């Protein structure tokens, strides 16, 4: 029987475009916030668009979803990927419109992008390189290429060991993080054409 990919529905703006991209690569997707479905899923995808605070609030208001995800991912070992703000929510805290607690699955702080070159604009929007770090060899889902970014805040990881890829926008920015069976990408695979579809296909085949 085909694996069930739970796509967490908590009001994130990119939910349906991520669903369509996953279906394009053959995923058996269940769009859900049902804790029972999340606990039984083979893989979990957490999308996200908008502010850190609003997304964190939406996720916390999806009754039992965080507890079910934590149980399935942190205890059960299910492969997990967070996309854009879904990746940022893995952090300890976000500093957008005040301080908001994240999931604290990968320690770090989500901070405003402050380019060293004043001519570089924020938000970081458009196509940019994804350059894997040496730590990505254990998380081969992340490949070198170009992806579509749209964000004003970035994941400042406490440990460089959790950084799987970087990009450059007036200075280095984290493009992907990961630890064990968890991954997060700052860019949008669902908007990144063949590169993004390849990444989602890799995620479906990944056996951490």
N, C-alpha and C. Protein backbone atom coordinates (compact mmCIF):
# COMPACT_ATOMS: atom_id res chain seq x y z
N UNK A 1 0.85 -1.19 0.00
CA UNK A 1 0.00 0.00 0.00
C UNK A 1 0.89 1.25 0.00
N UNK A 2 0.45 2.27 -0.75
CA UNK A 2 1.24 3.49 -0.87
C UNK A 2 1.35 4.20 0.46
N UNK A 3 2.51 4.76 0.70
CA UNK A 3 2.72 5.54 1.93
C UNK A 3 1.75 6.72 1.99
N UNK A 4 1.34 7.07 3.18
CA UNK A 4 0.49 8.24 3.39
C UNK A 4 1.36 9.43 3.77
N UNK A 5 1.26 10.50 2.99
CA UNK A 5 1.98 11.74 3.26
C UNK A 5 0.99 12.72 3.86
N UNK A 6 1.15 13.04 5.13
CA UNK A 6 0.25 13.99 5.78
C UNK A 6 0.75 15.41 5.53
N UNK A 7 -0.08 16.21 4.88
CA UNK A 7 0.21 17.62 4.64
C UNK A 7 -0.61 18.41 5.65
N UNK A 8 0.08 19.07 6.57
CA UNK A 8 -0.59 19.65 7.73
C UNK A 8 -1.38 20.90 7.32
N UNK A 9 -2.69 20.85 7.60
CA UNK A 9 -3.61 21.92 7.23
C UNK A 9 -3.89 22.77 8.47
N UNK A 10 -3.23 23.94 8.55
CA UNK A 10 -3.47 24.84 9.68
C UNK A 10 -3.67 26.28 9.19
N UNK A 11 -4.12 26.40 7.94
CA UNK A 11 -4.38 27.72 7.37
C UNK A 11 -3.22 28.35 6.63
N UNK A 12 -2.16 27.57 6.36
CA UNK A 12 -0.99 28.11 5.65
C UNK A 12 -1.36 28.42 4.19
N UNK A 13 -0.85 29.54 3.70
CA UNK A 13 -1.25 30.03 2.39
C UNK A 13 -0.81 29.17 1.21
N UNK A 14 0.26 28.39 1.37
CA UNK A 14 0.77 27.62 0.23
C UNK A 14 0.32 26.16 0.27
N UNK A 15 -0.72 25.87 1.04
CA UNK A 15 -1.14 24.48 1.24
C UNK A 15 -1.46 23.77 -0.07
N UNK A 16 -2.30 24.39 -0.90
CA UNK A 16 -2.78 23.68 -2.09
C UNK A 16 -1.71 23.58 -3.18
N UNK A 17 -0.83 24.59 -3.27
CA UNK A 17 0.24 24.49 -4.26
C UNK A 17 1.24 23.40 -3.86
N UNK A 18 1.49 23.24 -2.55
CA UNK A 18 2.35 22.15 -2.09
C UNK A 18 1.66 20.81 -2.34
N UNK A 19 0.37 20.74 -2.08
CA UNK A 19 -0.38 19.50 -2.35
C UNK A 19 -0.26 19.11 -3.82
N UNK A 20 -0.46 20.08 -4.71
CA UNK A 20 -0.38 19.79 -6.15
C UNK A 20 1.00 19.31 -6.55
N UNK A 21 2.05 19.93 -5.99
CA UNK A 21 3.42 19.52 -6.32
C UNK A 21 3.70 18.11 -5.83
N UNK A 22 3.24 17.78 -4.62
CA UNK A 22 3.43 16.43 -4.08
C UNK A 22 2.70 15.40 -4.95
N UNK A 23 1.49 15.73 -5.39
CA UNK A 23 0.75 14.80 -6.24
C UNK A 23 1.45 14.60 -7.59
N UNK A 24 2.09 15.65 -8.08
CA UNK A 24 2.81 15.55 -9.36
C UNK A 24 3.92 14.51 -9.30
N UNK A 25 4.53 14.34 -8.11
CA UNK A 25 5.61 13.36 -7.99
C UNK A 25 5.10 12.03 -7.43
N UNK A 26 3.77 11.86 -7.43
CA UNK A 26 3.20 10.56 -7.12
C UNK A 26 2.86 10.31 -5.67
N UNK A 27 2.85 11.36 -4.84
CA UNK A 27 2.57 11.17 -3.42
C UNK A 27 1.09 10.89 -3.17
N UNK A 28 0.84 10.05 -2.19
CA UNK A 28 -0.51 9.79 -1.70
C UNK A 28 -0.75 10.75 -0.54
N UNK A 29 -1.34 11.92 -0.85
CA UNK A 29 -1.41 13.03 0.10
C UNK A 29 -2.73 13.03 0.85
N UNK A 30 -2.65 13.23 2.16
CA UNK A 30 -3.83 13.53 2.98
C UNK A 30 -3.64 14.90 3.58
N UNK A 31 -4.51 15.84 3.21
CA UNK A 31 -4.47 17.18 3.77
C UNK A 31 -5.26 17.13 5.08
N UNK A 32 -4.60 17.39 6.20
CA UNK A 32 -5.24 17.10 7.48
C UNK A 32 -4.59 17.85 8.63
N UNK A 33 -5.36 18.08 9.67
CA UNK A 33 -4.82 18.47 10.97
C UNK A 33 -5.31 17.50 12.04
N UNK A 34 -5.89 16.39 11.60
CA UNK A 34 -6.44 15.38 12.52
C UNK A 34 -5.28 14.67 13.24
N UNK A 35 -5.22 14.76 14.55
CA UNK A 35 -4.10 14.14 15.27
C UNK A 35 -3.97 12.64 15.01
N UNK A 36 -5.08 11.94 14.84
CA UNK A 36 -5.01 10.50 14.59
C UNK A 36 -4.38 10.20 13.23
N UNK A 37 -4.70 11.02 12.24
CA UNK A 37 -4.11 10.84 10.90
C UNK A 37 -2.61 11.17 10.94
N UNK A 38 -2.26 12.23 11.66
CA UNK A 38 -0.84 12.61 11.77
C UNK A 38 -0.03 11.52 12.47
N UNK A 39 -0.60 10.92 13.49
CA UNK A 39 0.12 9.86 14.22
C UNK A 39 0.33 8.62 13.37
N UNK A 40 -0.55 8.41 12.39
CA UNK A 40 -0.46 7.21 11.56
C UNK A 40 0.27 7.44 10.24
N UNK A 41 0.61 8.70 9.94
CA UNK A 41 1.21 9.02 8.64
C UNK A 41 2.60 8.43 8.49
N UNK A 42 2.97 8.13 7.25
CA UNK A 42 4.32 7.64 6.98
C UNK A 42 5.33 8.78 6.90
N UNK A 43 4.88 9.94 6.42
CA UNK A 43 5.72 11.13 6.30
C UNK A 43 4.85 12.35 6.56
N UNK A 44 5.49 13.42 7.03
CA UNK A 44 4.74 14.64 7.35
C UNK A 44 5.39 15.84 6.66
N UNK A 45 4.54 16.68 6.06
CA UNK A 45 4.98 17.91 5.40
C UNK A 45 4.27 19.08 6.07
N UNK A 46 5.06 20.07 6.52
CA UNK A 46 4.51 21.27 7.17
C UNK A 46 4.76 22.47 6.27
N UNK A 47 3.72 22.98 5.59
CA UNK A 47 3.91 24.15 4.73
C UNK A 47 3.89 25.42 5.56
N UNK A 48 3.95 26.58 4.91
CA UNK A 48 3.87 27.84 5.66
C UNK A 48 4.18 29.04 4.80
N UNK A 49 3.29 30.03 4.87
CA UNK A 49 3.50 31.32 4.21
C UNK A 49 2.95 32.39 5.14
N UNK A 50 3.63 33.54 5.22
CA UNK A 50 3.15 34.63 6.07
C UNK A 50 4.10 34.87 7.21
N UNK A 51 3.58 35.42 8.30
CA UNK A 51 4.45 35.76 9.42
C UNK A 51 4.63 34.56 10.34
N UNK A 52 5.77 34.52 11.02
CA UNK A 52 6.07 33.45 11.97
C UNK A 52 4.99 33.37 13.05
N UNK A 53 4.63 34.54 13.61
CA UNK A 53 3.66 34.57 14.70
C UNK A 53 2.30 34.03 14.29
N UNK A 54 1.83 34.46 13.12
CA UNK A 54 0.51 34.01 12.65
C UNK A 54 0.51 32.51 12.37
N UNK A 55 1.59 32.02 11.78
CA UNK A 55 1.67 30.59 11.47
C UNK A 55 1.77 29.76 12.76
N UNK A 56 2.57 30.24 13.72
CA UNK A 56 2.68 29.54 15.00
C UNK A 56 1.33 29.50 15.71
N UNK A 57 0.61 30.60 15.67
CA UNK A 57 -0.72 30.68 16.29
C UNK A 57 -1.67 29.69 15.61
N UNK A 58 -1.67 29.67 14.27
CA UNK A 58 -2.54 28.77 13.54
C UNK A 58 -2.25 27.32 13.86
N UNK A 59 -0.98 26.98 13.96
CA UNK A 59 -0.60 25.61 14.26
C UNK A 59 -1.03 25.23 15.68
N UNK A 60 -0.87 26.14 16.61
CA UNK A 60 -1.26 25.85 18.00
C UNK A 60 -2.78 25.75 18.16
N UNK A 61 -3.51 26.43 17.28
CA UNK A 61 -4.97 26.37 17.34
C UNK A 61 -5.54 25.12 16.68
N UNK A 62 -4.71 24.39 15.94
CA UNK A 62 -5.12 23.11 15.36
C UNK A 62 -4.99 22.06 16.47
N UNK A 63 -6.07 21.82 17.18
CA UNK A 63 -6.05 21.06 18.44
C UNK A 63 -5.37 19.70 18.29
N UNK A 64 -4.32 19.52 19.09
CA UNK A 64 -3.62 18.24 19.13
C UNK A 64 -2.63 17.99 18.01
N UNK A 65 -2.55 18.92 17.05
CA UNK A 65 -1.68 18.68 15.88
C UNK A 65 -0.20 18.68 16.27
N UNK A 66 0.23 19.63 17.09
CA UNK A 66 1.64 19.70 17.47
C UNK A 66 2.03 18.45 18.26
N UNK A 67 1.19 18.04 19.19
CA UNK A 67 1.48 16.86 20.00
C UNK A 67 1.58 15.62 19.11
N UNK A 68 0.66 15.49 18.14
CA UNK A 68 0.67 14.33 17.25
C UNK A 68 1.90 14.34 16.35
N UNK A 69 2.25 15.52 15.82
CA UNK A 69 3.45 15.63 14.98
C UNK A 69 4.70 15.27 15.79
N UNK A 70 4.78 15.80 16.99
CA UNK A 70 5.94 15.54 17.84
C UNK A 70 6.08 14.05 18.12
N UNK A 71 4.97 13.42 18.42
CA UNK A 71 5.00 11.99 18.69
C UNK A 71 5.44 11.20 17.46
N UNK A 72 4.91 11.56 16.31
CA UNK A 72 5.20 10.79 15.09
C UNK A 72 6.62 11.03 14.59
N UNK A 73 7.09 12.27 14.70
CA UNK A 73 8.40 12.64 14.15
C UNK A 73 9.52 12.41 15.16
N UNK A 74 9.36 12.96 16.35
CA UNK A 74 10.44 12.92 17.34
C UNK A 74 10.56 11.55 18.01
N UNK A 75 9.44 10.87 18.18
CA UNK A 75 9.45 9.55 18.82
C UNK A 75 9.39 8.45 17.77
N UNK A 76 8.46 8.58 16.83
CA UNK A 76 8.24 7.53 15.84
C UNK A 76 9.22 7.52 14.68
N UNK A 77 9.94 8.64 14.49
CA UNK A 77 10.97 8.67 13.45
C UNK A 77 10.48 8.87 12.03
N UNK A 78 9.24 9.35 11.86
CA UNK A 78 8.73 9.57 10.50
C UNK A 78 9.50 10.70 9.83
N UNK A 79 9.86 10.55 8.55
CA UNK A 79 10.50 11.65 7.82
C UNK A 79 9.59 12.87 7.77
N UNK A 80 10.21 14.03 7.98
CA UNK A 80 9.47 15.30 8.08
C UNK A 80 10.18 16.35 7.25
N UNK A 81 9.38 17.19 6.57
CA UNK A 81 9.96 18.37 5.92
C UNK A 81 9.08 19.58 6.17
N UNK A 82 9.71 20.70 6.57
CA UNK A 82 9.02 21.98 6.71
C UNK A 82 9.42 22.88 5.56
N UNK A 83 8.46 23.62 5.02
CA UNK A 83 8.68 24.46 3.84
C UNK A 83 8.42 25.93 4.19
N UNK A 84 9.40 26.79 3.90
CA UNK A 84 9.33 28.24 4.14
C UNK A 84 9.04 28.50 5.62
N UNK A 85 7.90 29.07 5.98
CA UNK A 85 7.64 29.31 7.40
C UNK A 85 7.50 27.97 8.14
N UNK A 86 7.09 26.92 7.43
CA UNK A 86 7.07 25.59 8.03
C UNK A 86 8.45 25.14 8.48
N UNK A 87 9.49 25.56 7.77
CA UNK A 87 10.87 25.32 8.21
C UNK A 87 11.21 26.22 9.41
N UNK A 88 10.83 27.51 9.32
CA UNK A 88 11.16 28.45 10.40
C UNK A 88 10.54 28.03 11.73
N UNK A 89 9.37 27.40 11.69
CA UNK A 89 8.70 26.97 12.92
C UNK A 89 9.48 25.89 13.66
N UNK A 90 10.44 25.25 13.00
CA UNK A 90 11.30 24.28 13.68
C UNK A 90 12.20 24.96 14.72
N UNK A 91 12.39 26.26 14.59
CA UNK A 91 13.33 26.99 15.44
C UNK A 91 12.80 27.14 16.87
N UNK A 92 13.67 27.61 17.74
CA UNK A 92 13.31 27.86 19.14
C UNK A 92 12.36 29.03 19.25
N UNK A 93 12.63 30.08 18.47
CA UNK A 93 11.81 31.29 18.56
C UNK A 93 11.88 32.05 17.24
N UNK A 94 10.87 32.90 17.03
CA UNK A 94 10.87 33.83 15.91
C UNK A 94 10.72 35.25 16.44
N UNK A 95 11.38 36.21 15.78
CA UNK A 95 11.39 37.60 16.25
C UNK A 95 10.60 38.53 15.34
N UNK A 96 9.65 37.98 14.58
CA UNK A 96 8.84 38.79 13.68
C UNK A 96 7.63 39.32 14.44
N UNK A 97 7.48 40.65 14.53
CA UNK A 97 6.39 41.27 15.30
C UNK A 97 6.41 40.78 16.75
N UNK A 98 7.55 40.93 17.41
CA UNK A 98 7.69 40.44 18.77
C UNK A 98 8.24 39.02 18.77
N UNK A 99 8.41 38.46 19.96
CA UNK A 99 9.00 37.12 20.08
C UNK A 99 7.89 36.07 20.22
N UNK A 100 8.01 35.02 19.41
CA UNK A 100 7.04 33.92 19.43
C UNK A 100 7.79 32.61 19.56
N UNK A 101 7.31 31.73 20.39
CA UNK A 101 7.92 30.40 20.53
C UNK A 101 7.70 29.57 19.28
N UNK A 102 8.77 28.86 18.87
CA UNK A 102 8.65 27.88 17.82
C UNK A 102 8.54 26.48 18.40
N UNK A 103 8.72 25.47 17.56
CA UNK A 103 8.64 24.09 18.02
C UNK A 103 9.89 23.68 18.80
N UNK A 104 11.01 24.37 18.55
CA UNK A 104 12.30 24.06 19.19
C UNK A 104 12.77 22.64 18.87
N UNK A 105 12.50 22.19 17.64
CA UNK A 105 13.01 20.89 17.19
C UNK A 105 14.46 21.01 16.72
N UNK A 106 14.80 22.16 16.14
CA UNK A 106 16.18 22.47 15.76
C UNK A 106 16.48 23.85 16.32
N UNK A 107 17.38 23.92 17.29
CA UNK A 107 17.59 25.17 18.04
C UNK A 107 18.08 26.29 17.13
N UNK A 108 17.47 27.44 17.30
CA UNK A 108 17.85 28.60 16.51
C UNK A 108 16.82 29.70 16.66
N UNK A 109 17.11 30.84 16.05
CA UNK A 109 16.24 32.01 16.11
C UNK A 109 15.96 32.50 14.70
N UNK A 110 14.71 32.82 14.42
CA UNK A 110 14.34 33.37 13.12
C UNK A 110 14.38 34.89 13.21
N UNK A 111 15.31 35.49 12.46
CA UNK A 111 15.60 36.93 12.57
C UNK A 111 15.38 37.62 11.22
N UNK A 112 15.22 38.94 11.29
CA UNK A 112 15.11 39.76 10.10
C UNK A 112 16.41 39.67 9.27
N UNK A 113 16.28 39.54 7.97
CA UNK A 113 17.45 39.58 7.08
C UNK A 113 18.03 41.00 7.11
N UNK A 114 19.32 41.11 7.39
CA UNK A 114 20.00 42.41 7.40
C UNK A 114 21.22 42.33 6.49
N UNK A 115 21.03 42.63 5.19
CA UNK A 115 22.13 42.50 4.23
C UNK A 115 23.32 43.39 4.60
N UNK A 116 24.53 42.91 4.34
CA UNK A 116 25.72 43.73 4.56
C UNK A 116 25.85 44.80 3.48
N UNK A 117 25.22 44.58 2.34
CA UNK A 117 25.23 45.53 1.23
C UNK A 117 23.88 46.25 1.23
N UNK A 118 23.90 47.56 1.43
CA UNK A 118 22.65 48.33 1.56
C UNK A 118 21.83 48.37 0.27
N UNK A 119 22.46 48.03 -0.86
CA UNK A 119 21.72 48.03 -2.14
C UNK A 119 20.88 46.76 -2.30
N UNK A 120 21.11 45.77 -1.45
CA UNK A 120 20.36 44.51 -1.52
C UNK A 120 19.04 44.67 -0.79
N UNK A 121 17.95 44.36 -1.48
CA UNK A 121 16.62 44.61 -0.93
C UNK A 121 16.10 43.42 -0.12
N UNK A 122 15.26 43.75 0.84
CA UNK A 122 14.52 42.76 1.62
C UNK A 122 13.03 43.05 1.36
N UNK A 123 12.21 42.03 1.05
CA UNK A 123 12.48 40.60 1.16
C UNK A 123 13.44 40.06 0.11
N UNK A 124 13.99 38.90 0.43
CA UNK A 124 14.76 38.10 -0.51
C UNK A 124 13.73 37.38 -1.38
N UNK A 125 13.63 37.82 -2.64
CA UNK A 125 12.57 37.31 -3.51
C UNK A 125 13.14 36.93 -4.86
N UNK A 126 12.83 35.73 -5.33
CA UNK A 126 13.22 35.28 -6.65
C UNK A 126 14.13 34.06 -6.59
N UNK A 127 14.72 33.75 -7.73
CA UNK A 127 15.55 32.56 -7.87
C UNK A 127 16.94 32.82 -7.31
N UNK A 128 17.47 31.82 -6.60
CA UNK A 128 18.82 31.94 -6.05
C UNK A 128 19.41 30.55 -5.86
N UNK A 129 20.72 30.53 -5.72
CA UNK A 129 21.43 29.24 -5.58
C UNK A 129 21.12 28.57 -4.25
N UNK A 130 21.10 27.25 -4.30
CA UNK A 130 21.07 26.42 -3.09
C UNK A 130 22.40 25.65 -3.08
N UNK A 131 23.26 25.98 -2.12
CA UNK A 131 24.60 25.39 -2.05
C UNK A 131 24.69 24.48 -0.83
N UNK A 132 24.65 23.15 -1.02
CA UNK A 132 24.72 22.23 0.12
C UNK A 132 26.03 22.39 0.89
N UNK A 133 25.95 22.22 2.20
CA UNK A 133 27.12 22.21 3.07
C UNK A 133 27.61 20.76 3.21
N UNK A 134 28.79 20.54 3.80
CA UNK A 134 29.26 19.17 4.01
C UNK A 134 28.30 18.33 4.87
N UNK A 135 27.48 18.98 5.70
CA UNK A 135 26.55 18.24 6.56
C UNK A 135 25.40 17.63 5.76
N UNK A 136 25.23 18.07 4.52
CA UNK A 136 24.11 17.58 3.71
C UNK A 136 24.32 16.16 3.21
N UNK A 137 25.52 15.63 3.35
CA UNK A 137 25.78 14.28 2.80
C UNK A 137 24.92 13.21 3.47
N UNK A 138 24.50 13.46 4.69
CA UNK A 138 23.62 12.51 5.38
C UNK A 138 22.15 12.80 5.09
N UNK A 139 21.88 13.91 4.41
CA UNK A 139 20.52 14.31 4.05
C UNK A 139 20.52 14.59 2.55
N UNK A 140 20.66 13.52 1.76
CA UNK A 140 20.90 13.68 0.32
C UNK A 140 19.69 14.24 -0.42
N UNK A 141 18.58 14.45 0.28
CA UNK A 141 17.40 15.07 -0.34
C UNK A 141 17.77 16.44 -0.90
N UNK A 142 18.66 17.16 -0.20
CA UNK A 142 19.05 18.52 -0.59
C UNK A 142 20.18 18.45 -1.60
N UNK A 143 19.91 18.93 -2.81
CA UNK A 143 20.90 18.92 -3.88
C UNK A 143 21.27 20.35 -4.28
N UNK A 144 22.39 20.47 -4.96
CA UNK A 144 22.79 21.78 -5.49
C UNK A 144 21.85 22.18 -6.61
N UNK A 145 21.51 23.45 -6.66
CA UNK A 145 20.65 23.92 -7.75
C UNK A 145 20.16 25.32 -7.49
N UNK A 146 19.07 25.68 -8.18
CA UNK A 146 18.47 26.99 -8.02
C UNK A 146 17.02 26.81 -7.62
N UNK A 147 16.58 27.62 -6.65
CA UNK A 147 15.22 27.51 -6.15
C UNK A 147 14.62 28.90 -5.97
N UNK A 148 13.30 28.92 -5.78
CA UNK A 148 12.58 30.17 -5.63
C UNK A 148 12.40 30.51 -4.14
N UNK A 149 12.85 31.69 -3.75
CA UNK A 149 12.78 32.17 -2.37
C UNK A 149 11.82 33.36 -2.27
N UNK A 150 11.16 33.48 -1.13
CA UNK A 150 10.39 34.67 -0.81
C UNK A 150 10.28 34.78 0.71
N UNK A 151 11.17 35.58 1.32
CA UNK A 151 11.16 35.71 2.78
C UNK A 151 11.93 36.96 3.21
N UNK A 152 11.51 37.49 4.35
CA UNK A 152 12.18 38.64 4.96
C UNK A 152 12.93 38.25 6.23
N UNK A 153 12.63 37.07 6.76
CA UNK A 153 13.27 36.57 7.98
C UNK A 153 14.00 35.29 7.64
N UNK A 154 15.06 35.01 8.39
CA UNK A 154 15.89 33.84 8.08
C UNK A 154 16.17 33.04 9.34
N UNK A 155 16.50 31.77 9.16
CA UNK A 155 16.76 30.84 10.26
C UNK A 155 18.24 30.96 10.65
N UNK A 156 18.48 31.47 11.84
CA UNK A 156 19.83 31.59 12.40
C UNK A 156 20.03 30.40 13.34
N UNK A 157 20.62 29.32 12.84
CA UNK A 157 20.75 28.08 13.61
C UNK A 157 21.82 28.21 14.68
N UNK A 158 21.56 27.63 15.86
CA UNK A 158 22.54 27.66 16.94
C UNK A 158 23.78 26.84 16.59
N UNK A 159 23.59 25.74 15.85
CA UNK A 159 24.71 24.86 15.49
C UNK A 159 24.84 24.76 13.98
N UNK A 160 26.05 24.98 13.49
CA UNK A 160 26.31 24.84 12.06
C UNK A 160 26.08 23.43 11.56
N UNK A 161 26.11 22.45 12.47
CA UNK A 161 25.89 21.06 12.07
C UNK A 161 24.48 20.83 11.55
N UNK A 162 23.55 21.71 11.92
CA UNK A 162 22.17 21.58 11.48
C UNK A 162 21.91 22.28 10.15
N UNK A 163 22.90 23.01 9.63
CA UNK A 163 22.73 23.75 8.38
C UNK A 163 23.12 22.85 7.20
N UNK A 164 22.16 22.59 6.32
CA UNK A 164 22.40 21.67 5.20
C UNK A 164 22.67 22.40 3.90
N UNK A 165 22.25 23.65 3.78
CA UNK A 165 22.50 24.41 2.55
C UNK A 165 22.44 25.90 2.85
N UNK A 166 23.18 26.65 2.05
CA UNK A 166 23.21 28.11 2.17
C UNK A 166 22.85 28.73 0.83
N UNK A 167 22.43 30.00 0.91
CA UNK A 167 22.28 30.82 -0.27
C UNK A 167 22.88 32.18 0.07
N UNK A 168 22.95 33.09 -0.91
CA UNK A 168 23.56 34.40 -0.67
C UNK A 168 22.61 35.51 -1.08
N UNK A 169 22.37 36.43 -0.16
CA UNK A 169 21.56 37.62 -0.47
C UNK A 169 22.09 38.75 0.40
N UNK A 170 23.13 39.39 -0.09
CA UNK A 170 23.80 40.41 0.70
C UNK A 170 24.47 39.82 1.92
N UNK A 171 24.94 38.58 1.80
CA UNK A 171 25.50 37.81 2.90
C UNK A 171 24.85 36.43 2.93
N UNK A 172 25.48 35.51 3.62
CA UNK A 172 24.98 34.13 3.64
C UNK A 172 23.68 34.00 4.42
N UNK A 173 22.74 33.24 3.86
CA UNK A 173 21.48 32.91 4.52
C UNK A 173 21.29 31.40 4.47
N UNK A 174 20.71 30.85 5.52
CA UNK A 174 20.44 29.42 5.57
C UNK A 174 19.31 29.08 4.59
N UNK A 175 19.58 28.14 3.71
CA UNK A 175 18.57 27.69 2.73
C UNK A 175 17.91 26.39 3.16
N UNK A 176 18.60 25.59 3.99
CA UNK A 176 18.02 24.32 4.44
C UNK A 176 18.67 23.91 5.76
N UNK A 177 17.85 23.32 6.62
CA UNK A 177 18.33 22.77 7.89
C UNK A 177 17.89 21.32 7.98
N UNK A 178 18.54 20.58 8.87
CA UNK A 178 18.13 19.19 9.06
C UNK A 178 18.82 18.56 10.25
N UNK A 179 18.14 17.57 10.81
CA UNK A 179 18.71 16.78 11.89
C UNK A 179 17.96 15.45 11.91
N UNK A 180 18.70 14.36 11.81
CA UNK A 180 18.06 13.05 11.85
C UNK A 180 17.02 12.90 10.75
N UNK A 181 15.77 12.66 11.13
CA UNK A 181 14.69 12.46 10.17
C UNK A 181 13.93 13.75 9.84
N UNK A 182 14.50 14.90 10.26
CA UNK A 182 13.84 16.19 10.03
C UNK A 182 14.60 17.03 9.01
N UNK A 183 13.85 17.67 8.12
CA UNK A 183 14.40 18.60 7.14
C UNK A 183 13.56 19.87 7.14
N UNK A 184 14.19 20.97 6.76
CA UNK A 184 13.45 22.20 6.52
C UNK A 184 14.11 22.96 5.39
N UNK A 185 13.31 23.53 4.50
CA UNK A 185 13.85 24.32 3.38
C UNK A 185 13.21 25.70 3.40
N UNK A 186 14.04 26.74 3.27
CA UNK A 186 13.54 28.11 3.27
C UNK A 186 12.86 28.45 1.95
N UNK A 187 13.31 27.85 0.88
CA UNK A 187 12.75 28.13 -0.44
C UNK A 187 11.44 27.37 -0.64
N UNK A 188 10.81 27.62 -1.77
CA UNK A 188 9.52 27.00 -2.10
C UNK A 188 9.72 25.92 -3.17
N UNK A 189 9.76 24.64 -2.80
CA UNK A 189 9.87 23.60 -3.82
C UNK A 189 8.71 23.64 -4.80
N UNK A 190 7.53 23.99 -4.29
CA UNK A 190 6.33 23.99 -5.15
C UNK A 190 6.37 25.08 -6.22
N UNK A 191 7.31 26.05 -6.07
CA UNK A 191 7.46 27.11 -7.08
C UNK A 191 8.80 27.01 -7.81
N UNK A 192 9.54 25.94 -7.53
CA UNK A 192 10.92 25.83 -8.03
C UNK A 192 11.06 24.86 -9.20
N UNK A 193 9.97 24.65 -9.91
CA UNK A 193 9.97 23.88 -11.16
C UNK A 193 10.67 22.53 -10.98
N UNK A 194 11.53 22.16 -11.91
CA UNK A 194 12.09 20.80 -11.88
C UNK A 194 12.96 20.57 -10.65
N UNK A 195 13.66 21.61 -10.18
CA UNK A 195 14.48 21.45 -8.98
C UNK A 195 13.60 21.12 -7.78
N UNK A 196 12.50 21.84 -7.63
CA UNK A 196 11.62 21.61 -6.50
C UNK A 196 10.94 20.26 -6.54
N UNK A 197 10.51 19.84 -7.73
CA UNK A 197 9.87 18.53 -7.86
C UNK A 197 10.86 17.42 -7.57
N UNK A 198 12.12 17.60 -7.98
CA UNK A 198 13.16 16.61 -7.70
C UNK A 198 13.38 16.49 -6.19
N UNK A 199 13.38 17.63 -5.49
CA UNK A 199 13.55 17.60 -4.04
C UNK A 199 12.41 16.85 -3.36
N UNK A 200 11.18 17.11 -3.80
CA UNK A 200 10.03 16.42 -3.19
C UNK A 200 10.08 14.93 -3.50
N UNK A 201 10.50 14.58 -4.71
CA UNK A 201 10.67 13.16 -5.05
C UNK A 201 11.73 12.52 -4.16
N UNK A 202 12.83 13.21 -3.96
CA UNK A 202 13.88 12.71 -3.06
C UNK A 202 13.32 12.49 -1.65
N UNK A 203 12.50 13.44 -1.18
CA UNK A 203 11.93 13.32 0.15
C UNK A 203 11.07 12.06 0.27
N UNK A 204 10.31 11.76 -0.78
CA UNK A 204 9.46 10.56 -0.75
C UNK A 204 10.28 9.28 -0.70
N UNK A 205 11.49 9.32 -1.24
CA UNK A 205 12.34 8.13 -1.29
C UNK A 205 13.33 8.04 -0.12
N UNK A 206 13.39 9.09 0.67
CA UNK A 206 14.37 9.21 1.75
C UNK A 206 14.04 8.23 2.88
N UNK A 207 15.05 7.50 3.31
CA UNK A 207 14.91 6.56 4.44
C UNK A 207 15.95 6.89 5.52
N UNK A 208 15.67 7.91 6.34
CA UNK A 208 16.67 8.35 7.32
C UNK A 208 16.88 7.31 8.42
